[in-house]
């Protein structure tokens, strides 16, 4: 339990009021008094308080003017205004300008003042606790930013090196092919691929939820090219034909967030690669992009293994996997859904098991 004594600054131009207040509450609270707003400002520059109580009608600056002046410099103390019924305009000004917590009518009742002080101090403590939690949260976010950056660079780099060495071993070591040890290289490659995909998904999810949206002019051909470059090392990448057609007869400029669009493309295209039909020479991913002044509609059609209809309502949930074939992390489509939501769009999925899967993504044009 907090045993800190409540510190109060009481401001009033009437000496009798100051003396009476201090005599009444000095045993319960630590009370300092000021006879004017100028004196109060001087005390505030040297002392810290939980609560400031001020009379409204004072020569020079009024109570409201004092509160208005100290809001920026001394925002933490809770402010209580002493006023009469005739000072209704002061009450209005105090709400709008002075951010006053409570009004106490004059002549005031000691018990009412005591209750007001207790309640004000509870608010003060709550605000300080929230402030502390916010600072800790900001620190945690900053540390998480550094961690994600480290994961992105320090962890993915060696994985990429391992994949490169595996591919090199395949091409230069004829003994491996002859001995039948190529299967081991395949296992290593698949395991590293899965780990790298999971790391990229986690990074994408973090960035998508944390970063601010940027409205940029989108080049869909560039996004697809970048997606191809990121996914070209996938097993079976060369076994699928990826085609995109952009329908924009009026040459309308489409603006959206490039990073989140990349996340959408990467995850849907990677799914089409992972879940294509094995031993087929006709695997296809066909992407159409229809652009209007108001929005775009992107349709991703693949003729892969499809999704069981009973799973369609579940596929956008985190860690849900509709198939154990080339089992991924189960986070990709969840990230897509979150990215689409951040862009104020919508996504739907249709599928026929063993035949096809269609994802339709609609996004507003932010031009």
Protein backbone atom coordinates (compact mmCIF):
# COMPACT_ATOMS: atom_id res chain seq x y z
CA UNK A 1 0.00 0.00 0.00
CA UNK A 2 1.27 3.48 -0.90
CA UNK A 3 2.10 5.42 2.29
CA UNK A 4 3.22 8.57 0.48
CA UNK A 5 1.71 11.70 1.98
CA UNK A 6 -0.47 13.65 -0.42
CA UNK A 7 1.15 16.98 -1.34
CA UNK A 8 -1.25 19.87 -1.97
CA UNK A 9 -0.69 23.42 -3.16
CA UNK A 10 -3.56 25.66 -2.06
CA UNK A 11 -3.84 29.07 -3.77
CA UNK A 12 -6.10 31.81 -2.38
CA UNK A 13 -5.72 35.57 -1.98
CA UNK A 14 -7.50 35.52 1.41
CA UNK A 15 -5.04 34.81 4.21
CA UNK A 16 -7.75 33.52 6.56
CA UNK A 17 -8.72 30.85 4.04
CA UNK A 18 -5.10 29.75 3.63
CA UNK A 19 -4.56 29.49 7.37
CA UNK A 20 -7.84 27.66 7.93
CA UNK A 21 -7.14 25.15 5.17
CA UNK A 22 -3.62 24.44 6.37
CA UNK A 23 -4.69 24.12 10.01
CA UNK A 24 -7.48 21.70 9.08
CA UNK A 25 -5.52 19.38 6.79
CA UNK A 26 -1.89 19.68 7.90
CA UNK A 27 -1.96 16.36 9.80
CA UNK A 28 -3.45 14.45 6.87
CA UNK A 29 -1.62 16.07 3.97
CA UNK A 30 1.52 18.02 3.24
CA UNK A 31 0.12 21.47 2.44
CA UNK A 32 1.87 24.47 0.92
CA UNK A 33 0.00 27.71 0.31
CA UNK A 34 0.28 30.63 -2.08
CA UNK A 35 -1.48 33.99 -1.90
CA UNK A 36 -1.46 34.61 -5.67
CA UNK A 37 -1.00 32.90 -9.01
CA UNK A 38 2.46 34.47 -9.33
CA UNK A 39 3.53 33.00 -6.00
CA UNK A 40 2.03 29.66 -6.96
CA UNK A 41 4.09 29.57 -10.17
CA UNK A 42 7.21 30.30 -8.19
CA UNK A 43 6.49 27.42 -5.78
CA UNK A 44 5.67 25.04 -8.65
CA UNK A 45 9.07 25.71 -10.19
CA UNK A 46 10.69 24.27 -7.07
CA UNK A 47 8.23 21.75 -5.65
CA UNK A 48 6.16 18.83 -6.91
CA UNK A 49 2.52 18.33 -5.95
CA UNK A 50 -0.19 15.75 -6.41
CA UNK A 51 -3.08 18.24 -6.23
CA UNK A 52 -3.47 21.98 -6.81
CA UNK A 53 -6.50 23.72 -5.30
CA UNK A 54 -7.15 27.30 -6.33
CA UNK A 55 -9.74 29.95 -5.66
CA UNK A 56 -11.22 31.37 -8.84
CA UNK A 57 -11.52 35.05 -7.93
CA UNK A 58 -8.07 36.44 -7.23
CA UNK A 59 -6.42 39.72 -8.19
CA UNK A 60 -4.12 39.47 -11.18
CA UNK A 61 -4.63 35.99 -12.57
CA UNK A 62 -7.76 34.01 -11.78
CA UNK A 63 -7.77 30.35 -10.82
CA UNK A 64 -8.74 29.31 -14.36
CA UNK A 65 -5.95 31.43 -15.86
CA UNK A 66 -3.47 29.82 -13.47
CA UNK A 67 -4.60 26.32 -14.42
CA UNK A 68 -4.53 27.16 -18.11
CA UNK A 69 -0.96 28.43 -17.80
CA UNK A 70 0.39 25.39 -15.96
CA UNK A 71 -1.20 22.65 -18.10
CA UNK A 72 1.79 22.25 -20.42
CA UNK A 73 4.56 22.77 -17.86
CA UNK A 74 2.99 20.94 -14.92
CA UNK A 75 0.46 18.49 -16.41
CA UNK A 76 0.53 15.86 -13.65
CA UNK A 77 -1.11 17.55 -10.61
CA UNK A 78 -4.89 17.17 -10.44
CA UNK A 79 -6.62 20.57 -10.42
CA UNK A 80 -9.56 21.56 -8.19
CA UNK A 81 -11.28 24.95 -8.47
CA UNK A 82 -13.04 26.82 -5.65
CA UNK A 83 -15.88 28.91 -7.04
CA UNK A 84 -19.31 30.32 -6.30
CA UNK A 85 -22.57 29.76 -8.14
CA UNK A 86 -22.26 33.19 -9.72
CA UNK A 87 -19.06 32.10 -11.49
CA UNK A 88 -20.73 29.84 -14.06
CA UNK A 89 -18.56 31.25 -16.87
CA UNK A 90 -15.50 30.40 -14.82
CA UNK A 91 -16.77 26.83 -14.57
CA UNK A 92 -17.18 26.64 -18.34
CA UNK A 93 -13.72 28.13 -18.93
CA UNK A 94 -12.20 25.74 -16.41
CA UNK A 95 -13.59 22.76 -18.31
CA UNK A 96 -12.48 24.06 -21.70
CA UNK A 97 -9.15 25.66 -20.79
CA UNK A 98 -7.99 24.57 -17.37
CA UNK A 99 -8.84 20.85 -17.49
CA UNK A 100 -10.20 21.03 -13.96
CA UNK A 101 -11.12 17.74 -12.30
CA UNK A 102 -13.58 19.08 -9.70
CA UNK A 103 -15.37 22.26 -8.55
CA UNK A 104 -16.04 23.01 -4.92
CA UNK A 105 -18.63 25.61 -4.01
CA UNK A 106 -17.82 28.37 -1.58
CA UNK A 107 -18.24 28.43 1.31
CA UNK A 108 -16.89 24.90 1.17
CA UNK A 109 -17.50 21.96 3.45
CA UNK A 110 -14.40 20.31 4.94
CA UNK A 111 -15.70 16.80 4.42
CA UNK A 112 -16.52 17.53 0.76
CA UNK A 113 -12.99 18.84 0.29
CA UNK A 114 -11.54 15.76 1.97
CA UNK A 115 -13.49 13.44 -0.37
CA UNK A 116 -12.47 15.50 -3.41
CA UNK A 117 -8.79 15.29 -2.40
CA UNK A 118 -8.97 11.54 -1.88
CA UNK A 119 -10.63 10.98 -5.25
CA UNK A 120 -8.23 13.36 -6.99
CA UNK A 121 -5.24 11.52 -5.56
CA UNK A 122 -6.61 8.19 -6.81
CA UNK A 123 -6.82 9.70 -10.28
CA UNK A 124 -3.27 11.02 -9.93
CA UNK A 125 -1.95 7.58 -8.97
CA UNK A 126 -3.84 5.91 -11.82
CA UNK A 127 -2.45 8.36 -14.36
CA UNK A 128 1.09 7.89 -13.05
CA UNK A 129 0.69 4.13 -13.26
CA UNK A 130 -0.56 4.39 -16.84
CA UNK A 131 2.33 6.70 -17.65
CA UNK A 132 4.77 4.16 -16.24
CA UNK A 133 3.16 1.32 -18.19
CA UNK A 134 3.24 3.40 -21.39
CA UNK A 135 6.93 4.10 -20.91
CA UNK A 136 7.60 0.42 -20.31
CA UNK A 137 5.55 -0.47 -23.37
CA UNK A 138 7.44 2.02 -25.54
CA UNK A 139 10.71 0.57 -24.26
CA UNK A 140 9.48 -2.95 -25.03
CA UNK A 141 8.45 -1.89 -28.54
CA UNK A 142 11.86 -0.32 -29.09
CA UNK A 143 13.60 -3.48 -27.94
CA UNK A 144 11.28 -5.57 -30.11
CA UNK A 145 12.13 -3.38 -33.11
CA UNK A 146 15.81 -4.07 -32.50
CA UNK A 147 15.14 -7.78 -32.05
CA UNK A 148 13.16 -8.04 -35.31
CA UNK A 149 15.92 -6.16 -37.12
CA UNK A 150 18.45 -8.60 -35.66
CA UNK A 151 16.36 -11.61 -36.66
CA UNK A 152 15.89 -10.22 -40.15
CA UNK A 153 19.61 -9.72 -40.72
CA UNK A 154 21.54 -11.94 -38.33
CA UNK A 155 19.38 -15.07 -38.50
CA UNK A 156 18.23 -15.08 -42.11
CA UNK A 157 21.71 -14.43 -43.48
CA UNK A 158 23.16 -17.80 -42.35
CA UNK A 159 20.03 -19.59 -43.56
CA UNK A 160 20.54 -18.09 -46.99
CA UNK A 161 24.19 -19.20 -46.88
CA UNK A 162 23.15 -22.76 -46.01
CA UNK A 163 20.74 -22.84 -48.95
CA UNK A 164 23.46 -21.54 -51.23
CA UNK A 165 25.87 -24.24 -50.06
CA UNK A 166 23.25 -26.95 -50.60
CA UNK A 167 22.65 -25.78 -54.17
CA UNK A 168 26.41 -25.59 -54.75
CA UNK A 169 26.91 -29.11 -53.41
CA UNK A 170 24.33 -30.39 -55.85
CA UNK A 171 26.12 -28.91 -58.82
CA UNK A 172 29.79 -29.57 -58.01
CA UNK A 173 29.89 -32.82 -56.02
CA UNK A 174 29.20 -35.69 -58.39
CA UNK A 175 29.88 -38.22 -55.62
CA UNK A 176 26.76 -37.04 -53.79
CA UNK A 177 24.56 -37.71 -56.81
CA UNK A 178 26.19 -41.08 -57.39
CA UNK A 179 25.91 -42.19 -53.78
CA UNK A 180 22.25 -41.35 -53.46
CA UNK A 181 22.91 -38.82 -50.71
CA UNK A 182 21.01 -36.19 -52.67
CA UNK A 183 17.98 -37.03 -50.55
CA UNK A 184 19.78 -35.66 -47.51
CA UNK A 185 20.41 -32.40 -49.30
CA UNK A 186 16.71 -32.26 -50.18
CA UNK A 187 15.79 -32.74 -46.53
CA UNK A 188 18.22 -30.02 -45.45
CA UNK A 189 16.88 -27.64 -48.07
CA UNK A 190 13.25 -28.23 -47.15
CA UNK A 191 13.94 -27.75 -43.44
CA UNK A 192 15.86 -24.54 -44.00
CA UNK A 193 13.15 -23.31 -46.38
CA UNK A 194 10.47 -23.86 -43.73
CA UNK A 195 12.48 -22.08 -41.06
CA UNK A 196 13.21 -19.16 -43.37
CA UNK A 197 9.56 -18.89 -44.41
CA UNK A 198 8.45 -18.88 -40.77
CA UNK A 199 10.97 -16.16 -39.88
CA UNK A 200 9.87 -14.04 -42.84
CA UNK A 201 6.22 -14.49 -41.86
CA UNK A 202 6.88 -13.36 -38.30
CA UNK A 203 8.80 -10.32 -39.55
CA UNK A 204 6.05 -9.49 -42.06
CA UNK A 205 3.36 -9.80 -39.40
CA UNK A 206 5.27 -7.56 -36.99
CA UNK A 207 5.95 -4.92 -39.62
CA UNK A 208 2.37 -4.98 -40.90
CA UNK A 209 0.90 -4.45 -37.43
CA UNK A 210 3.42 -1.80 -36.35
CA UNK A 211 4.21 0.34 -39.35
CA UNK A 212 2.18 3.33 -40.48
CA UNK A 213 0.41 3.08 -43.84
CA UNK A 214 2.11 4.93 -46.68
CA UNK A 215 0.14 5.96 -49.74
CA UNK A 216 2.41 5.23 -52.69
CA UNK A 217 1.82 4.87 -56.41
CA UNK A 218 1.80 1.12 -57.03
CA UNK A 219 3.53 -0.68 -59.90
CA UNK A 220 2.05 -4.18 -59.88
CA UNK A 221 4.62 -5.54 -62.33
CA UNK A 222 7.36 -4.42 -59.95
CA UNK A 223 5.64 -6.06 -56.98
CA UNK A 224 5.28 -9.36 -58.86
CA UNK A 225 8.91 -9.20 -59.98
CA UNK A 226 10.05 -8.62 -56.40
CA UNK A 227 7.86 -11.51 -55.25
CA UNK A 228 9.42 -13.78 -57.87
CA UNK A 229 12.91 -12.86 -56.69
CA UNK A 230 12.04 -13.60 -53.07
CA UNK A 231 10.41 -16.96 -53.85
CA UNK A 232 12.60 -18.28 -56.66
CA UNK A 233 14.54 -20.56 -54.29
CA UNK A 234 11.34 -22.38 -53.25
CA UNK A 235 11.21 -26.04 -54.10
CA UNK A 236 9.02 -26.51 -57.20
CA UNK A 237 9.19 -22.80 -58.04
CA UNK A 238 10.17 -23.67 -61.60
CA UNK A 239 7.26 -26.12 -61.92
CA UNK A 240 4.54 -23.45 -61.88
CA UNK A 241 3.72 -20.83 -64.49
CA UNK A 242 2.91 -17.47 -62.89
CA UNK A 243 1.05 -15.01 -65.12
CA UNK A 244 -0.39 -11.60 -64.25
CA UNK A 245 -2.69 -9.33 -66.22
CA UNK A 246 -3.41 -5.76 -65.14
CA UNK A 247 -6.63 -4.27 -66.53
CA UNK A 248 -6.32 -0.49 -66.39
CA UNK A 249 -7.60 0.92 -69.71
CA UNK A 250 -7.84 4.47 -68.35
CA UNK A 251 -4.31 4.34 -66.91
CA UNK A 252 -5.59 5.24 -63.45
CA UNK A 253 -2.96 5.75 -60.78
CA UNK A 254 -3.51 3.39 -57.85
CA UNK A 255 -2.14 4.35 -54.45
CA UNK A 256 -1.79 2.05 -51.48
CA UNK A 257 0.84 0.77 -49.06
CA UNK A 258 3.60 -0.95 -51.04
CA UNK A 259 4.94 -3.02 -48.12
CA UNK A 260 1.57 -4.50 -47.23
CA UNK A 261 0.78 -5.24 -50.88
CA UNK A 262 4.10 -7.08 -51.05
CA UNK A 263 3.05 -9.12 -48.00
CA UNK A 264 -0.26 -10.01 -49.70
CA UNK A 265 1.43 -11.04 -52.95
CA UNK A 266 4.25 -12.98 -51.28
CA UNK A 267 2.02 -15.11 -49.12
CA UNK A 268 -0.66 -15.91 -51.70
CA UNK A 269 1.92 -16.65 -54.41
CA UNK A 270 4.01 -18.79 -52.03
CA UNK A 271 0.89 -20.82 -51.17
CA UNK A 272 0.26 -21.47 -54.84
CA UNK A 273 3.85 -22.67 -55.22
CA UNK A 274 3.75 -24.89 -52.13
CA UNK A 275 0.36 -26.43 -52.84
CA UNK A 276 0.60 -27.07 -56.57
CA UNK A 277 -0.25 -30.52 -57.90
CA UNK A 278 2.73 -32.87 -57.76
CA UNK A 279 3.98 -34.44 -60.99
CA UNK A 280 1.93 -32.05 -63.12
CA UNK A 281 3.32 -30.07 -66.05
CA UNK A 282 0.36 -27.66 -66.15
CA UNK A 283 0.59 -25.92 -62.78
CA UNK A 284 -0.64 -22.34 -63.10
CA UNK A 285 -1.12 -19.23 -61.00
CA UNK A 286 -3.06 -16.57 -62.88
CA UNK A 287 -3.35 -13.12 -61.29
CA UNK A 288 -5.73 -10.47 -62.59
CA UNK A 289 -5.74 -6.90 -61.31
CA UNK A 290 -8.70 -4.68 -62.23
CA UNK A 291 -8.09 -1.01 -61.46
CA UNK A 292 -10.77 1.66 -61.07
CA UNK A 293 -10.70 5.16 -59.64
CA UNK A 294 -12.27 3.89 -56.42
CA UNK A 295 -10.61 0.53 -55.82
CA UNK A 296 -8.78 -2.49 -57.20
CA UNK A 297 -9.85 -6.10 -57.35
CA UNK A 298 -7.10 -8.72 -57.41
CA UNK A 299 -7.93 -12.32 -58.21
CA UNK A 300 -5.36 -15.07 -57.57
CA UNK A 301 -6.37 -18.29 -59.36
CA UNK A 302 -4.33 -21.47 -59.09
CA UNK A 303 -5.10 -25.00 -60.26
CA UNK A 304 -3.36 -26.66 -57.33
CA UNK A 305 -4.52 -29.23 -54.80
CA UNK A 306 -7.30 -26.98 -53.49
CA UNK A 307 -8.79 -26.65 -50.03
CA UNK A 308 -11.50 -28.75 -48.47
CA UNK A 309 -14.70 -26.69 -48.31
CA UNK A 310 -15.11 -27.37 -44.59
CA UNK A 311 -11.79 -25.58 -43.95
CA UNK A 312 -12.49 -22.39 -45.93
CA UNK A 313 -13.90 -20.55 -42.92
CA UNK A 314 -10.79 -21.40 -40.90
CA UNK A 315 -7.86 -20.70 -43.24
CA UNK A 316 -7.38 -17.06 -42.15
CA UNK A 317 -6.93 -18.05 -38.50
CA UNK A 318 -3.45 -18.02 -37.01
CA UNK A 319 -1.61 -21.37 -37.14
CA UNK A 320 -4.44 -23.14 -38.98
CA UNK A 321 -3.23 -25.59 -41.63
CA UNK A 322 -5.73 -27.06 -44.08
CA UNK A 323 -3.23 -29.57 -45.45
CA UNK A 324 -0.22 -31.51 -44.18
CA UNK A 325 1.32 -31.50 -47.65
CA UNK A 326 4.32 -29.16 -47.58
CA UNK A 327 2.99 -28.06 -44.20
CA UNK A 328 3.85 -24.44 -43.57
CA UNK A 329 3.65 -22.42 -40.39
CA UNK A 330 -0.08 -21.76 -40.69
CA UNK A 331 0.49 -18.04 -40.30
CA UNK A 332 0.74 -16.83 -43.92
CA UNK A 333 -2.95 -16.32 -44.69
CA UNK A 334 -3.52 -14.83 -41.26
CA UNK A 335 -0.89 -12.20 -42.09
CA UNK A 336 -2.58 -11.59 -45.44
CA UNK A 337 -5.93 -11.04 -43.70
CA UNK A 338 -4.35 -8.58 -41.24
CA UNK A 339 -2.59 -6.68 -44.04
CA UNK A 340 -5.84 -6.43 -46.02
CA UNK A 341 -7.64 -5.18 -42.91
CA UNK A 342 -4.97 -2.51 -42.37
CA UNK A 343 -5.62 -1.31 -45.92
CA UNK A 344 -9.41 -1.17 -45.28
CA UNK A 345 -9.99 -3.93 -47.80
CA UNK A 346 -11.62 -7.35 -47.97
CA UNK A 347 -10.51 -10.86 -48.93
CA UNK A 348 -12.49 -13.96 -49.88
CA UNK A 349 -11.49 -17.52 -50.68
CA UNK A 350 -13.13 -20.11 -52.90
CA UNK A 351 -11.84 -23.57 -53.62
CA UNK A 352 -12.63 -26.99 -55.00
CA UNK A 353 -10.55 -29.77 -53.49
CA UNK A 354 -8.20 -31.27 -56.08
CA UNK A 355 -9.02 -28.62 -58.70
CA UNK A 356 -8.46 -24.95 -57.84
CA UNK A 357 -8.26 -22.16 -55.30
CA UNK A 358 -9.29 -18.53 -55.84
CA UNK A 359 -8.44 -15.62 -53.58
CA UNK A 360 -10.20 -12.32 -54.28
CA UNK A 361 -8.77 -9.20 -52.68
CA UNK A 362 -10.49 -5.78 -52.88
CA UNK A 363 -8.65 -2.64 -51.77
CA UNK A 364 -9.63 1.03 -51.87
CA UNK A 365 -7.67 3.43 -54.04
CA UNK A 366 -6.00 5.95 -51.71
CA UNK A 367 -5.29 8.44 -54.50
